[in-house]
Protein backbone atom coordinates (compact mmCIF):
# COMPACT_ATOMS: atom_id res chain seq x y z
CA MET A 1 55.22 -12.63 25.91
CA GLU A 2 55.56 -15.36 28.77
CA GLU A 3 54.24 -18.75 27.42
CA LEU A 4 51.69 -20.77 29.32
CA THR A 5 52.84 -24.23 30.54
CA GLU A 6 50.90 -27.35 29.41
CA ARG A 7 49.28 -27.61 32.82
CA GLN A 8 48.33 -23.89 32.57
CA LYS A 9 46.68 -24.46 29.26
CA LEU A 10 44.70 -27.33 30.53
CA LEU A 11 43.58 -25.21 33.45
CA LEU A 12 42.61 -22.31 31.18
CA SER A 13 40.60 -24.57 29.04
CA LEU A 14 38.70 -26.01 31.94
CA ILE A 15 37.99 -22.60 33.37
CA VAL A 16 36.77 -21.38 29.95
CA HIS A 17 34.41 -24.38 29.77
CA GLU A 18 33.11 -24.14 33.31
CA HIS A 19 32.60 -20.33 33.13
CA THR A 20 30.65 -20.88 29.82
CA LEU A 21 28.38 -23.19 31.50
CA THR A 22 27.76 -21.35 34.68
CA ALA A 23 28.54 -17.67 34.13
CA LYS A 24 30.14 -17.88 37.63
CA PRO A 25 33.76 -17.44 38.79
CA VAL A 26 35.63 -20.95 38.82
CA GLY A 27 37.44 -22.08 42.02
CA SER A 28 40.18 -24.58 42.41
CA THR A 29 38.30 -26.86 44.60
CA MET A 30 35.52 -27.17 42.04
CA LEU A 31 38.07 -28.06 39.37
CA VAL A 32 39.64 -30.70 41.55
CA ARG A 33 36.31 -32.33 42.39
CA GLN A 34 34.66 -31.93 38.87
CA TYR A 35 37.67 -33.27 36.73
CA SER A 36 39.42 -35.56 39.28
CA LEU A 37 42.68 -33.60 38.69
CA PRO A 38 45.76 -35.27 39.87
CA ILE A 39 47.10 -32.02 41.64
CA SER A 40 45.99 -30.20 44.85
CA SER A 41 43.65 -27.11 45.22
CA ALA A 42 46.72 -25.13 46.36
CA THR A 43 48.69 -26.08 43.37
CA ILE A 44 45.71 -24.80 40.97
CA ARG A 45 45.43 -21.67 43.16
CA ASN A 46 49.14 -20.80 42.51
CA GLU A 47 48.81 -21.52 38.67
CA MET A 48 45.59 -19.26 38.66
CA THR A 49 47.61 -16.65 40.43
CA ALA A 50 50.34 -16.98 37.84
CA MET A 51 47.88 -16.84 34.93
CA GLU A 52 46.19 -13.86 36.52
CA GLU A 53 49.50 -11.94 36.60
CA MET A 54 50.16 -12.81 32.98
CA GLY A 55 46.62 -11.38 32.09
CA TYR A 56 44.87 -14.57 31.03
CA LEU A 57 42.37 -14.55 34.21
CA ARG A 58 40.88 -12.24 36.57
CA GLN A 59 39.31 -12.40 39.97
CA PRO A 60 36.00 -10.57 40.15
CA HIS A 61 36.02 -10.52 44.03
CA THR A 62 38.72 -11.35 46.52
CA SER A 63 37.03 -14.44 47.84
CA ALA A 64 35.79 -15.66 44.32
CA GLY A 65 37.39 -17.92 41.76
CA ARG A 66 38.65 -16.65 38.44
CA VAL A 67 37.13 -15.95 35.04
CA PRO A 68 38.79 -15.61 31.77
CA THR A 69 39.83 -12.12 30.46
CA GLU A 70 39.72 -10.96 26.86
CA LYS A 71 43.36 -12.20 26.50
CA GLY A 72 42.43 -15.44 28.06
CA TYR A 73 39.47 -16.05 25.56
CA ARG A 74 41.77 -14.98 22.62
CA PHE A 75 44.47 -17.56 23.66
CA PHE A 76 41.89 -20.11 24.20
CA VAL A 77 40.14 -19.65 20.67
CA SER A 78 43.55 -19.28 18.81
CA ASN A 79 45.42 -22.28 20.55
CA LEU A 80 43.23 -24.44 22.51
CA LEU A 81 39.79 -24.57 20.90
CA GLN A 82 38.55 -27.80 19.55
CA GLN A 83 35.80 -27.35 16.85
CA PRO A 84 33.52 -30.16 16.73
CA ALA A 85 31.59 -30.83 13.61
CA LEU A 86 27.81 -30.24 13.99
CA PRO A 87 25.88 -33.65 14.53
CA THR A 88 24.74 -35.28 11.29
CA ALA A 89 21.10 -34.95 12.31
CA THR A 90 21.57 -31.07 12.83
CA ARG A 91 23.38 -30.65 9.52
CA ASN A 92 20.59 -32.63 7.72
CA THR A 93 18.00 -30.65 9.36
CA ILE A 94 19.44 -27.37 8.40
CA THR A 95 20.21 -28.41 4.74
CA HIS A 96 16.61 -29.74 4.36
CA GLN A 97 15.16 -26.48 5.70
CA PHE A 98 17.32 -24.33 3.11
CA TYR A 99 16.41 -26.59 0.09
CA GLN A 100 12.67 -26.42 0.87
CA ALA A 101 13.05 -22.66 0.45
CA ARG A 102 15.60 -22.74 -2.48
CA GLN A 103 13.33 -20.84 -4.97
CA GLN A 104 12.79 -18.07 -2.48
CA LEU A 105 16.00 -16.08 -2.18
CA ASP A 106 14.94 -13.67 0.45
CA GLU A 107 13.83 -16.81 2.58
CA TRP A 108 17.31 -17.98 2.60
CA PHE A 109 18.60 -15.09 4.55
CA ARG A 110 15.79 -15.08 7.00
CA LEU A 111 16.16 -18.63 7.58
CA ALA A 112 20.07 -18.29 7.98
CA ALA A 113 19.39 -15.77 10.63
CA ALA A 114 16.94 -17.93 12.56
CA VAL A 115 19.11 -21.09 12.26
CA LEU A 116 22.08 -19.09 13.55
CA ALA A 117 20.27 -17.68 16.46
CA LYS A 118 18.56 -20.83 17.43
CA GLN A 119 21.86 -23.11 17.28
CA ALA A 120 24.09 -20.62 19.00
CA GLN A 121 21.40 -19.08 21.46
CA ALA A 122 22.69 -15.75 20.36
CA ALA A 123 21.82 -12.91 18.22
CA SER A 124 22.50 -13.30 14.55
CA ILE A 125 22.92 -11.16 11.48
CA VAL A 126 23.08 -12.10 7.87
CA THR A 127 23.52 -9.70 4.95
CA ALA A 128 22.27 -10.50 1.52
CA PRO A 129 24.79 -11.16 -1.03
CA HIS A 130 26.05 -7.96 -2.69
CA SER A 131 28.33 -7.25 -5.69
CA LYS A 132 30.43 -4.10 -6.29
CA LYS A 133 29.29 -4.28 -9.98
CA VAL A 134 25.66 -5.00 -9.96
CA ALA A 135 23.77 -6.48 -12.96
CA PHE A 136 20.17 -6.55 -14.07
CA LYS A 137 18.41 -9.92 -13.76
CA HIS A 138 14.58 -9.38 -13.63
CA LEU A 139 12.12 -6.49 -13.38
CA GLU A 140 8.57 -6.36 -12.26
CA LEU A 141 6.27 -3.23 -12.29
CA ILE A 142 3.10 -3.18 -10.26
CA SER A 143 0.37 -0.60 -10.48
CA THR A 144 -0.61 0.49 -7.13
CA ARG A 145 -2.87 3.53 -7.16
CA ALA A 146 -3.43 6.33 -9.69
CA SER A 147 -0.15 7.05 -11.27
CA GLN A 148 1.98 5.34 -8.63
CA VAL A 149 4.14 2.26 -9.52
CA LEU A 150 5.97 -0.32 -7.43
CA MET A 151 9.15 -1.37 -9.00
CA VAL A 152 10.67 -4.78 -7.80
CA LEU A 153 14.22 -5.13 -9.38
CA VAL A 154 16.13 -8.27 -8.83
CA LEU A 155 19.83 -8.15 -9.47
CA VAL A 156 22.11 -10.98 -10.41
CA GLY A 157 22.81 -12.99 -7.33
CA GLY A 158 19.36 -12.47 -5.76
CA GLU A 159 19.61 -8.84 -4.26
CA ILE A 160 16.13 -7.28 -4.61
CA ARG A 161 15.62 -3.51 -4.87
CA GLN A 162 12.20 -1.98 -4.46
CA GLN A 163 10.84 1.53 -5.24
CA ILE A 164 7.52 3.16 -5.43
CA PHE A 165 7.50 6.07 -7.85
CA SER A 166 5.06 8.37 -9.70
CA LEU A 167 4.49 8.57 -13.52
CA ASP A 168 3.29 11.72 -15.28
CA GLU A 169 0.10 9.59 -16.45
CA ILE A 170 -1.91 6.81 -15.26
CA VAL A 171 -0.82 3.61 -16.95
CA THR A 172 -2.65 0.32 -16.95
CA GLN A 173 -1.11 -2.88 -15.41
CA GLN A 174 -1.05 -4.47 -18.80
CA ARG A 175 1.06 -1.70 -20.19
CA LEU A 176 3.44 -2.01 -17.29
CA SER A 177 3.61 -5.74 -17.64
CA ASN A 178 4.44 -5.28 -21.33
CA LEU A 179 7.13 -2.85 -20.58
CA ALA A 180 8.76 -5.12 -17.85
CA ALA A 181 8.77 -7.93 -20.35
CA GLU A 182 10.52 -5.95 -22.90
CA LEU A 183 13.13 -4.48 -20.50
CA ASN A 184 13.72 -8.14 -19.15
CA THR A 185 14.74 -9.16 -22.56
CA LEU A 186 16.71 -6.16 -23.52
CA CYS A 187 18.56 -5.49 -20.20
CA GLN A 188 19.24 -9.10 -19.15
CA ASN A 189 22.57 -9.37 -17.29
CA CYS A 190 23.58 -5.74 -18.17
CA THR A 191 25.73 -3.94 -15.70
CA LEU A 192 24.92 -0.16 -14.99
CA ALA A 193 27.75 0.90 -17.45
CA GLN A 194 26.21 -1.33 -20.15
CA LEU A 195 22.80 0.00 -19.46
CA GLU A 196 24.12 3.58 -20.12
CA LYS A 197 25.27 2.56 -23.51
CA LEU A 198 21.94 0.85 -24.65
CA ASP A 199 19.74 2.79 -27.21
CA LEU A 200 16.43 1.46 -26.18
CA SER A 201 14.14 3.95 -27.99
CA LEU A 202 11.78 4.09 -25.19
CA ASP A 203 8.64 6.28 -24.61
CA ASP A 204 8.27 8.72 -21.66
CA VAL A 205 6.87 5.98 -19.29
CA GLY A 206 9.87 3.68 -20.37
CA ASN A 207 12.42 6.40 -19.88
CA THR A 208 11.12 7.05 -16.34
CA VAL A 209 11.31 3.34 -15.48
CA MET A 210 14.89 3.11 -16.83
CA ALA A 211 15.94 6.09 -14.66
CA VAL A 212 14.49 4.48 -11.55
CA ILE A 213 16.28 1.32 -12.40
CA LYS A 214 19.61 3.12 -12.89
CA ASP A 215 19.20 4.97 -9.67
CA GLN A 216 18.59 1.75 -7.73
CA MET A 217 21.58 -0.07 -9.37
CA GLN A 218 23.78 3.01 -8.46
CA LEU A 219 22.54 2.90 -4.84
CA SER A 220 23.28 -0.87 -4.60
CA GLU A 221 26.89 -0.30 -6.02
CA ARG A 222 27.55 2.22 -3.16
CA LEU A 223 26.61 -0.31 -0.49
CA VAL A 224 29.21 -2.25 1.32
CA THR A 225 26.47 -4.78 2.32
CA GLY A 226 23.26 -5.89 1.00
CA GLU A 227 19.79 -6.10 3.03
CA ILE A 228 20.31 -6.90 6.61
CA TYR A 229 18.44 -9.72 8.45
CA LEU A 230 18.46 -10.03 12.13
CA ASP A 231 17.21 -12.67 14.57
CA GLY A 232 17.63 -13.76 18.18
CA LEU A 233 18.07 -10.32 19.67
CA THR A 234 16.18 -11.43 22.93
CA ASN A 235 18.89 -14.16 23.40
CA VAL A 236 21.52 -11.51 24.20
CA LEU A 237 19.25 -9.63 26.67
CA ALA A 238 18.64 -12.77 28.43
CA GLU A 239 22.16 -13.34 29.39
CA PRO A 240 23.43 -12.61 32.90
CA GLU A 241 26.26 -10.39 31.67
CA PHE A 242 23.47 -8.03 30.32
CA ALA A 243 21.49 -7.56 33.43
CA ASP A 244 22.40 -3.99 32.59
CA THR A 245 20.45 -3.92 29.27
CA GLU A 246 22.25 -0.72 28.29
CA GLN A 247 25.47 -2.80 27.53
CA ALA A 248 23.50 -5.21 25.31
CA LEU A 249 21.70 -2.65 23.49
CA SER A 250 24.89 -0.69 22.71
CA ALA A 251 26.30 -3.91 21.15
CA LEU A 252 22.99 -4.44 19.19
CA SER A 253 23.10 -0.90 17.92
CA LEU A 254 26.06 -1.84 15.66
CA PHE A 255 23.62 -4.18 13.75
CA GLU A 256 21.17 -1.28 13.27
CA GLU A 257 23.50 1.73 12.37
CA ARG A 258 24.41 0.94 8.76
CA ASN A 259 27.53 3.16 8.63
CA LYS A 260 28.96 1.39 11.78
CA LEU A 261 28.08 -2.08 10.52
CA ASP A 262 29.73 -1.30 7.20
CA ASP A 263 32.88 -0.15 8.66
CA LEU A 264 32.97 -3.18 10.96
CA LEU A 265 32.53 -5.73 8.25
CA SER A 266 34.83 -3.99 5.89
CA ARG A 267 37.71 -3.95 8.42
CA SER A 268 37.00 -7.35 9.69
CA PHE A 269 37.33 -9.06 6.39
CA LEU A 270 40.03 -6.86 4.72
CA GLY A 271 42.13 -9.59 2.83
CA ASN A 272 40.01 -12.51 4.03
CA GLU A 273 38.55 -15.13 1.74
CA VAL A 274 34.99 -16.62 1.46
CA GLY A 275 34.60 -19.21 4.18
CA ASP A 276 36.98 -17.62 6.46
CA VAL A 277 35.86 -17.16 9.99
CA GLN A 278 36.62 -14.22 12.14
CA VAL A 279 36.24 -14.16 15.90
CA LEU A 280 36.24 -10.56 17.38
CA ILE A 281 36.46 -10.70 21.22
CA GLY A 282 35.72 -7.68 23.31
CA GLY A 283 35.86 -5.32 20.36
CA GLU A 284 39.56 -5.91 19.83
CA GLY A 285 40.34 -2.50 21.04
CA THR A 286 38.39 -0.95 18.21
CA TRP A 287 34.64 -1.09 18.74
CA GLU A 288 33.67 0.06 22.22
CA GLU A 289 30.13 -1.21 21.74
CA LEU A 290 31.40 -4.76 21.73
CA ARG A 291 33.62 -4.52 24.91
CA GLN A 292 31.59 -7.13 26.66
CA CYS A 293 30.84 -9.21 23.65
CA SER A 294 32.10 -11.68 21.07
CA LEU A 295 31.25 -11.53 17.50
CA ILE A 296 31.85 -14.54 15.13
CA LEU A 297 31.58 -13.83 11.40
CA SER A 298 32.07 -15.44 8.14
CA HIS A 299 31.87 -14.43 4.37
CA TYR A 300 29.93 -16.51 2.01
CA GLY A 301 29.28 -16.41 -1.66
CA ILE A 302 31.66 -16.35 -4.65
CA GLN A 303 35.03 -14.72 -4.05
CA ASP A 304 35.39 -11.26 -5.89
CA GLN A 305 31.94 -11.59 -7.45
CA LEU A 306 29.13 -11.73 -4.93
CA THR A 307 29.60 -12.11 -1.25
CA GLY A 308 27.50 -11.49 1.90
CA THR A 309 28.24 -11.85 5.66
CA LEU A 310 26.74 -13.76 8.55
CA GLY A 311 27.57 -14.21 12.05
CA ILE A 312 26.45 -14.23 15.62
CA LEU A 313 26.85 -11.84 18.60
CA GLY A 314 26.86 -13.01 22.25
CA PRO A 315 28.73 -12.52 25.47
CA MET A 316 32.40 -13.38 25.65
CA ARG A 317 31.30 -16.48 27.62
CA MET A 318 30.04 -18.34 24.69
CA PRO A 319 30.61 -21.94 23.54
CA TYR A 320 32.93 -21.02 20.77
CA GLY A 321 33.41 -24.52 19.29
CA ASN A 322 29.73 -24.90 18.47
CA ALA A 323 29.12 -21.34 17.66
CA ILE A 324 32.23 -21.31 14.95
CA SER A 325 31.08 -24.78 13.53
CA THR A 326 27.58 -23.47 13.11
CA VAL A 327 28.69 -20.15 11.59
CA ARG A 328 31.05 -22.02 9.12
CA PHE A 329 28.42 -24.66 8.04
CA VAL A 330 25.60 -22.24 7.21
CA ALA A 331 28.13 -19.96 5.36
CA ASN A 332 29.20 -22.88 3.31
CA LEU A 333 25.60 -23.85 2.57
CA LEU A 334 24.74 -20.37 1.51
CA SER A 335 27.83 -20.22 -0.71
CA ASP A 336 26.58 -23.33 -2.47
CA LEU A 337 22.88 -21.90 -2.96
CA VAL A 338 24.43 -18.52 -4.23
CA ALA A 339 26.53 -20.38 -6.69
CA GLU A 340 23.65 -22.61 -7.90
CA ASN A 341 21.55 -19.42 -8.35
CA LEU A 342 24.01 -17.69 -10.60
CA MET A 343 24.23 -20.64 -12.78
CA GLU A 344 20.50 -20.65 -13.32
């Protein structure tokens, strides 16, 4: 592959920066004027033509300037990008928000999605932490009406499973609370395999509840990701690249179709560690729905024990430095919170 010269690398960086700000093609005269470059517009046009021939730039219209291609963005992110640390004030604000909600596990993930969407002005996704081997942590049984019961099952790591089911008889709330307290003692930290081996000597109501618990734990073990939290979808629809909203909705559909999302996350993080950041540009030739987009993802949690995913989706024309720094910071923060929760 033909390598870029140092001057071409500089020009590519400037073009990416300007196109990110304006969403418009970048011309040679503007670059000279904006950055006081010590070279002529003609020289820059020649360099642009060379980079266009190499596939790093394209010219939307004959009389227009150039914009980066997928190849150009990939080269920029891999070789030229500087990732500034988030400002101290921003980091402190985000951290304070999380620690205010530290006792409310499901609030972490909603908050993470909101923070990512606001900081990056993009769509965000956060999946609750999930383990391949789930373990029982806490159970609540709530009488709703007649013989119906709401079960709230908390798994080790904070994943919450809820199920409404019916008993063969009407049971008082006190009896349900006593049963939940008993199971919380007997089943604490048990995996599904360990629950199967327990001899609990329960009555019919207890056996029904245990069957629902095991069903929910089995469902959790089959999942690739935990519960999904989304935010900032309107940020994507507001971008000029998505004046044709069908393109944006096609990309966002990946977040809403569980099978596609599980496939995307599984393949994106194959062999990667917690804290690693993945940048997918233009769907990487695999996901047609992302052809006009970039997706920045990171794993958080505890490697090989309990992990979730978070990230942002936006147009290829996004401020990658700030976006990657934000994703990495929030991922590290959630990893710390998950670790603290496991130790409690």
